[in-house]
N, C-alpha and C. Protein backbone atom coordinates (compact mmCIF):
# COMPACT_ATOMS: atom_id res chain seq x y z
N MET A 1 96.16 71.47 -0.08
CA MET A 1 94.73 71.34 -0.20
C MET A 1 94.07 72.02 1.01
N THR A 2 92.97 72.65 0.76
CA THR A 2 92.25 73.36 1.80
C THR A 2 91.36 72.40 2.58
N THR A 3 91.48 72.44 3.91
CA THR A 3 90.66 71.56 4.75
C THR A 3 89.25 72.14 4.89
N GLU A 4 88.35 71.31 5.36
CA GLU A 4 86.96 71.76 5.58
C GLU A 4 86.92 72.90 6.59
N GLN A 5 87.75 72.83 7.63
CA GLN A 5 87.81 73.88 8.64
C GLN A 5 88.29 75.20 8.01
N GLU A 6 89.32 75.13 7.14
CA GLU A 6 89.82 76.34 6.47
C GLU A 6 88.75 76.92 5.54
N LYS A 7 88.03 76.05 4.83
CA LYS A 7 86.95 76.52 3.96
C LYS A 7 85.89 77.26 4.76
N ASN A 8 85.51 76.70 5.91
CA ASN A 8 84.51 77.35 6.76
C ASN A 8 85.01 78.68 7.28
N GLU A 9 86.29 78.73 7.69
CA GLU A 9 86.86 80.00 8.17
C GLU A 9 86.87 81.05 7.06
N MET A 10 87.26 80.63 5.85
CA MET A 10 87.27 81.57 4.73
C MET A 10 85.88 82.11 4.45
N LEU A 11 84.89 81.23 4.44
CA LEU A 11 83.52 81.65 4.15
C LEU A 11 82.99 82.58 5.23
N GLU A 12 83.24 82.27 6.49
CA GLU A 12 82.80 83.15 7.59
C GLU A 12 83.44 84.52 7.47
N TRP A 13 84.75 84.55 7.17
CA TRP A 13 85.44 85.82 7.02
C TRP A 13 84.87 86.59 5.83
N ALA A 14 84.67 85.88 4.71
CA ALA A 14 84.15 86.52 3.50
C ALA A 14 82.76 87.11 3.73
N LYS A 15 81.92 86.41 4.48
CA LYS A 15 80.58 86.93 4.77
C LYS A 15 80.65 88.21 5.59
N ALA A 16 81.61 88.28 6.50
CA ALA A 16 81.74 89.45 7.38
C ALA A 16 82.49 90.61 6.73
N ARG A 17 83.53 90.33 5.94
CA ARG A 17 84.41 91.40 5.48
C ARG A 17 84.82 91.32 4.02
N GLY A 18 84.52 90.23 3.35
CA GLY A 18 85.01 90.01 2.00
C GLY A 18 84.16 90.69 0.92
N SER A 19 84.69 90.67 -0.29
CA SER A 19 83.99 91.24 -1.44
C SER A 19 82.87 90.30 -1.88
N GLY A 20 81.97 90.82 -2.70
CA GLY A 20 80.92 89.99 -3.26
C GLY A 20 81.49 88.88 -4.11
N ARG A 21 82.54 89.18 -4.85
CA ARG A 21 83.20 88.17 -5.68
C ARG A 21 83.70 87.00 -4.83
N LEU A 22 84.37 87.32 -3.71
CA LEU A 22 84.90 86.29 -2.83
C LEU A 22 83.76 85.46 -2.23
N ARG A 23 82.74 86.14 -1.70
CA ARG A 23 81.61 85.42 -1.11
C ARG A 23 80.95 84.49 -2.12
N SER A 24 80.67 85.01 -3.30
CA SER A 24 80.01 84.20 -4.33
C SER A 24 80.87 83.01 -4.74
N GLY A 25 82.15 83.25 -4.97
CA GLY A 25 83.04 82.16 -5.37
C GLY A 25 83.10 81.05 -4.34
N LEU A 26 83.23 81.43 -3.07
CA LEU A 26 83.29 80.42 -2.01
C LEU A 26 81.95 79.69 -1.86
N GLU A 27 80.84 80.44 -1.91
CA GLU A 27 79.53 79.82 -1.78
C GLU A 27 79.25 78.85 -2.91
N MET A 28 79.83 79.11 -4.09
CA MET A 28 79.63 78.23 -5.25
C MET A 28 80.64 77.09 -5.30
N GLY A 29 81.54 77.04 -4.29
CA GLY A 29 82.48 75.92 -4.18
C GLY A 29 83.79 76.08 -4.92
N TYR A 30 84.09 77.28 -5.40
CA TYR A 30 85.36 77.48 -6.11
C TYR A 30 86.52 77.67 -5.15
N ASP A 31 87.71 77.34 -5.62
CA ASP A 31 88.94 77.57 -4.86
C ASP A 31 89.27 79.05 -4.97
N CYS A 32 89.09 79.79 -3.90
CA CYS A 32 89.33 81.24 -3.88
C CYS A 32 90.36 81.61 -2.82
N LYS A 33 91.24 80.66 -2.50
CA LYS A 33 92.20 80.91 -1.42
C LYS A 33 93.09 82.12 -1.71
N GLY A 34 93.57 82.25 -2.94
CA GLY A 34 94.41 83.40 -3.29
C GLY A 34 93.69 84.72 -3.13
N LEU A 35 92.44 84.79 -3.60
CA LEU A 35 91.64 86.00 -3.46
C LEU A 35 91.37 86.29 -1.99
N TYR A 36 91.02 85.25 -1.24
CA TYR A 36 90.79 85.39 0.21
C TYR A 36 92.02 85.96 0.91
N LEU A 37 93.19 85.38 0.63
CA LEU A 37 94.41 85.86 1.28
C LEU A 37 94.72 87.29 0.86
N SER A 38 94.52 87.63 -0.41
CA SER A 38 94.77 89.01 -0.87
C SER A 38 93.87 90.00 -0.16
N GLU A 39 92.59 89.68 -0.08
CA GLU A 39 91.65 90.59 0.57
C GLU A 39 91.92 90.69 2.07
N ARG A 40 92.23 89.59 2.69
CA ARG A 40 92.48 89.61 4.14
C ARG A 40 93.77 90.37 4.45
N CYS A 41 94.79 90.18 3.63
CA CYS A 41 96.04 90.94 3.81
C CYS A 41 95.77 92.44 3.70
N ALA A 42 95.01 92.83 2.68
CA ALA A 42 94.74 94.25 2.46
C ALA A 42 94.05 94.88 3.67
N LEU A 43 93.16 94.13 4.32
CA LEU A 43 92.43 94.69 5.46
C LEU A 43 93.13 94.51 6.80
N GLU A 44 93.80 93.37 6.99
CA GLU A 44 94.31 93.04 8.32
C GLU A 44 95.83 92.99 8.42
N ALA A 45 96.51 92.97 7.30
CA ALA A 45 97.98 92.88 7.33
C ALA A 45 98.57 93.69 6.18
N PRO A 46 98.37 95.02 6.19
CA PRO A 46 98.90 95.84 5.10
C PRO A 46 100.42 95.64 4.96
N GLY A 47 100.87 95.60 3.72
CA GLY A 47 102.29 95.38 3.45
C GLY A 47 102.63 93.93 3.18
N TRP A 48 101.72 93.02 3.51
CA TRP A 48 101.91 91.59 3.25
C TRP A 48 101.11 91.22 2.01
N ARG A 49 101.53 90.15 1.34
CA ARG A 49 100.81 89.62 0.19
C ARG A 49 100.91 88.10 0.21
N PRO A 50 99.99 87.42 -0.46
CA PRO A 50 100.09 85.96 -0.52
C PRO A 50 101.29 85.53 -1.37
N LYS A 51 101.90 84.42 -1.01
CA LYS A 51 102.97 83.82 -1.80
C LYS A 51 102.37 83.30 -3.10
N ARG A 52 103.03 83.58 -4.21
CA ARG A 52 102.59 83.08 -5.51
C ARG A 52 103.29 81.77 -5.82
N GLN A 53 102.75 80.99 -6.74
CA GLN A 53 103.36 79.71 -7.09
C GLN A 53 104.79 79.88 -7.58
N ARG A 54 105.06 80.96 -8.30
CA ARG A 54 106.41 81.15 -8.84
C ARG A 54 107.42 81.66 -7.80
N ASP A 55 106.93 82.03 -6.62
CA ASP A 55 107.82 82.52 -5.56
C ASP A 55 108.52 81.34 -4.90
N GLY A 56 109.82 81.24 -5.07
CA GLY A 56 110.59 80.22 -4.38
C GLY A 56 111.21 80.82 -3.13
N LEU A 57 111.03 80.19 -1.99
CA LEU A 57 111.59 80.68 -0.74
C LEU A 57 112.68 79.74 -0.26
N ALA A 58 113.75 80.31 0.29
CA ALA A 58 114.84 79.53 0.86
C ALA A 58 115.32 80.23 2.12
N ASP A 59 115.87 79.47 3.06
CA ASP A 59 116.36 80.05 4.30
C ASP A 59 117.41 81.11 4.02
N ARG A 60 117.40 82.16 4.82
CA ARG A 60 118.34 83.28 4.69
C ARG A 60 119.38 83.14 5.78
N ALA A 61 120.66 83.10 5.40
CA ALA A 61 121.76 83.08 6.37
C ALA A 61 122.35 84.49 6.47
N ASN A 62 122.93 84.80 7.61
CA ASN A 62 123.63 86.06 7.84
C ASN A 62 122.80 87.30 7.47
N PRO A 63 121.61 87.44 8.05
CA PRO A 63 120.75 88.56 7.69
C PRO A 63 121.35 89.91 8.07
N GLU A 64 120.96 90.92 7.31
CA GLU A 64 121.39 92.30 7.56
C GLU A 64 120.60 92.87 8.75
N GLU A 65 121.10 93.95 9.32
CA GLU A 65 120.45 94.58 10.47
C GLU A 65 119.02 95.02 10.15
N ALA A 66 118.81 95.62 8.97
CA ALA A 66 117.46 96.06 8.59
C ALA A 66 116.51 94.87 8.48
N GLU A 67 117.02 93.73 8.02
CA GLU A 67 116.20 92.53 7.92
C GLU A 67 115.82 92.01 9.31
N LEU A 68 116.78 92.02 10.22
CA LEU A 68 116.51 91.59 11.59
C LEU A 68 115.49 92.52 12.26
N ALA A 69 115.63 93.82 12.02
CA ALA A 69 114.68 94.80 12.58
C ALA A 69 113.28 94.54 12.04
N ALA A 70 113.18 94.25 10.75
CA ALA A 70 111.88 93.97 10.14
C ALA A 70 111.26 92.72 10.76
N ALA A 71 112.05 91.68 10.94
CA ALA A 71 111.53 90.43 11.53
C ALA A 71 111.06 90.67 12.96
N ARG A 72 111.81 91.48 13.70
CA ARG A 72 111.43 91.81 15.07
C ARG A 72 110.10 92.56 15.10
N ASP A 73 109.96 93.52 14.19
CA ASP A 73 108.81 94.41 14.25
C ASP A 73 107.56 93.90 13.53
N PHE A 74 107.74 93.10 12.48
CA PHE A 74 106.59 92.65 11.71
C PHE A 74 106.29 91.17 11.89
N GLY A 75 107.21 90.42 12.49
CA GLY A 75 107.03 88.98 12.63
C GLY A 75 107.46 88.25 11.37
N GLY A 76 107.30 86.94 11.39
CA GLY A 76 107.72 86.15 10.25
C GLY A 76 109.19 85.79 10.34
N THR A 77 109.66 85.07 9.33
CA THR A 77 111.06 84.69 9.26
C THR A 77 111.69 85.28 8.01
N ILE A 78 112.97 85.58 8.10
CA ILE A 78 113.69 86.14 6.96
C ILE A 78 114.00 85.01 5.99
N GLN A 79 113.61 85.20 4.74
CA GLN A 79 113.81 84.19 3.70
C GLN A 79 114.40 84.85 2.46
N TRP A 80 115.02 84.06 1.60
CA TRP A 80 115.40 84.51 0.27
C TRP A 80 114.21 84.25 -0.63
N LEU A 81 113.80 85.25 -1.39
CA LEU A 81 112.75 85.08 -2.39
C LEU A 81 113.43 84.96 -3.74
N ARG A 82 113.16 83.85 -4.40
CA ARG A 82 113.70 83.63 -5.74
C ARG A 82 112.53 83.57 -6.70
N ASP A 83 112.31 84.67 -7.40
CA ASP A 83 111.28 84.69 -8.43
C ASP A 83 111.96 85.06 -9.74
N ALA A 84 111.30 85.76 -10.60
CA ALA A 84 111.89 86.09 -11.90
C ALA A 84 113.08 87.05 -11.77
N GLY A 85 113.15 87.79 -10.69
CA GLY A 85 114.22 88.77 -10.53
C GLY A 85 115.38 88.23 -9.73
N THR A 86 116.22 89.15 -9.29
CA THR A 86 117.37 88.81 -8.46
C THR A 86 116.87 88.37 -7.08
N PRO A 87 117.45 87.31 -6.51
CA PRO A 87 117.02 86.90 -5.16
C PRO A 87 117.15 88.07 -4.18
N ARG A 88 116.17 88.18 -3.30
CA ARG A 88 116.17 89.26 -2.31
C ARG A 88 115.55 88.76 -1.02
N ALA A 89 115.88 89.44 0.06
CA ALA A 89 115.36 89.05 1.38
C ALA A 89 113.93 89.55 1.54
N VAL A 90 113.09 88.69 2.10
CA VAL A 90 111.70 89.02 2.42
C VAL A 90 111.37 88.39 3.76
N LEU A 91 110.25 88.80 4.33
CA LEU A 91 109.71 88.11 5.49
C LEU A 91 108.64 87.14 5.00
N ALA A 92 108.58 85.98 5.58
CA ALA A 92 107.55 85.00 5.25
C ALA A 92 106.86 84.58 6.55
N ASP A 93 105.55 84.43 6.48
CA ASP A 93 104.77 84.06 7.66
C ASP A 93 103.58 83.22 7.22
N ASP A 94 103.34 82.13 7.92
CA ASP A 94 102.19 81.29 7.62
C ASP A 94 101.01 81.76 8.45
N ARG A 95 99.98 82.23 7.74
CA ARG A 95 98.76 82.72 8.39
C ARG A 95 97.56 82.36 7.55
N TRP A 96 96.45 82.14 8.19
CA TRP A 96 95.16 81.98 7.52
C TRP A 96 95.19 80.88 6.45
N GLY A 97 96.00 79.86 6.66
CA GLY A 97 96.04 78.74 5.73
C GLY A 97 96.92 78.95 4.52
N GLY A 98 97.77 79.96 4.53
CA GLY A 98 98.66 80.22 3.40
C GLY A 98 99.93 80.89 3.87
N THR A 99 100.88 81.04 2.96
CA THR A 99 102.12 81.73 3.27
C THR A 99 102.03 83.16 2.77
N LEU A 100 102.34 84.11 3.65
CA LEU A 100 102.33 85.52 3.29
C LEU A 100 103.77 86.01 3.18
N ILE A 101 103.97 87.00 2.33
CA ILE A 101 105.30 87.57 2.11
C ILE A 101 105.23 89.07 2.30
N ARG A 102 106.26 89.62 2.94
CA ARG A 102 106.40 91.06 3.09
C ARG A 102 107.79 91.43 2.58
N GLU A 103 107.84 92.37 1.64
CA GLU A 103 109.12 92.83 1.10
C GLU A 103 109.91 93.55 2.19
N ILE A 104 111.20 93.35 2.20
CA ILE A 104 112.10 94.11 3.07
C ILE A 104 112.86 95.05 2.17
N ARG A 105 112.61 96.31 2.35
CA ARG A 105 113.29 97.29 1.51
C ARG A 105 114.68 97.55 2.07
N THR A 106 115.63 97.63 1.18
CA THR A 106 117.00 97.94 1.61
C THR A 106 117.13 99.45 1.68
N ILE A 107 117.45 99.93 2.86
CA ILE A 107 117.64 101.37 3.04
C ILE A 107 119.06 101.62 3.52
N CYS A 108 119.38 102.84 3.75
CA CYS A 108 120.77 103.21 4.02
C CYS A 108 121.31 102.63 5.33
N GLY A 109 120.47 102.33 6.29
CA GLY A 109 120.93 101.78 7.55
C GLY A 109 121.10 102.81 8.65
N HIS A 110 120.93 104.10 8.35
CA HIS A 110 121.01 105.15 9.36
C HIS A 110 119.90 104.92 10.38
N SER A 111 120.18 105.11 11.65
CA SER A 111 119.21 104.78 12.70
C SER A 111 117.88 105.52 12.52
N SER A 112 117.91 106.79 12.14
CA SER A 112 116.64 107.52 11.97
C SER A 112 115.87 107.00 10.77
N CYS A 113 116.57 106.55 9.72
CA CYS A 113 115.90 105.98 8.55
C CYS A 113 115.29 104.63 8.89
N LEU A 114 116.03 103.81 9.65
CA LEU A 114 115.49 102.52 10.08
C LEU A 114 114.24 102.72 10.93
N GLN A 115 114.30 103.66 11.86
CA GLN A 115 113.15 103.91 12.73
C GLN A 115 111.96 104.40 11.91
N ASN A 116 112.21 105.30 10.96
CA ASN A 116 111.14 105.79 10.10
C ASN A 116 110.52 104.65 9.30
N TRP A 117 111.36 103.76 8.79
CA TRP A 117 110.87 102.63 8.00
C TRP A 117 110.02 101.70 8.87
N ILE A 118 110.47 101.44 10.10
CA ILE A 118 109.73 100.58 11.02
C ILE A 118 108.37 101.20 11.35
N GLU A 119 108.34 102.50 11.59
CA GLU A 119 107.11 103.17 12.01
C GLU A 119 106.15 103.42 10.86
N THR A 120 106.67 103.70 9.66
CA THR A 120 105.79 104.12 8.56
C THR A 120 105.80 103.18 7.36
N GLY A 121 106.81 102.32 7.25
CA GLY A 121 106.94 101.48 6.07
C GLY A 121 107.59 102.21 4.91
N ASN A 122 107.98 103.47 5.11
CA ASN A 122 108.62 104.27 4.07
C ASN A 122 110.13 104.04 4.11
N ALA A 123 110.69 103.52 3.00
CA ALA A 123 112.10 103.17 2.98
C ALA A 123 112.99 104.31 2.52
N ALA A 124 112.42 105.48 2.28
CA ALA A 124 113.22 106.61 1.81
C ALA A 124 114.16 107.11 2.92
N CYS A 125 115.36 107.53 2.52
CA CYS A 125 116.30 108.09 3.49
C CYS A 125 115.77 109.46 3.94
N ILE A 126 115.81 109.67 5.24
CA ILE A 126 115.29 110.93 5.79
C ILE A 126 116.33 111.71 6.57
N HIS A 127 117.53 111.11 6.79
CA HIS A 127 118.51 111.80 7.62
C HIS A 127 119.24 112.87 6.80
N ALA A 128 119.70 113.86 7.52
CA ALA A 128 120.46 114.94 6.88
C ALA A 128 121.87 114.46 6.59
N GLU A 129 122.43 114.87 5.49
CA GLU A 129 123.79 114.47 5.15
C GLU A 129 124.75 114.92 6.25
N GLY A 130 125.61 114.03 6.66
CA GLY A 130 126.58 114.32 7.71
C GLY A 130 126.04 114.06 9.10
N GLU A 131 124.76 113.78 9.24
CA GLU A 131 124.16 113.50 10.54
C GLU A 131 124.70 112.17 11.06
N GLU A 132 125.10 112.16 12.34
CA GLU A 132 125.64 110.94 12.93
C GLU A 132 124.53 109.95 13.21
N GLN A 133 124.93 108.66 13.20
CA GLN A 133 123.95 107.62 13.48
C GLN A 133 123.65 107.60 14.94
């Protein structure tokens, strides 16, 4: 449940940076937490999204190097996401009164690819074949 303080914070943010839909919904007393988190993520935390009701999170044991690098660079904790698909590792972080999720893309693990992913968010392999790590 959203506290009065969270409602006030959402409304203040919506007045300053939110869409007309968000402002109107909050001013009329509707629960717009999902919309608020989506809009705030888009502006202030690109790559993150609000956790959906169907998203099941569980602690992740024995994380991969790319997952550890993502947690170091983006914050949050490494979790297993269990939704309609195959469980996969994601970052989860509690912000702005909700849980946010950031996908961790599995890439080849080459040091230049990891660095490129950390700097740009692009998970494509960029190293030349035969290039040493």
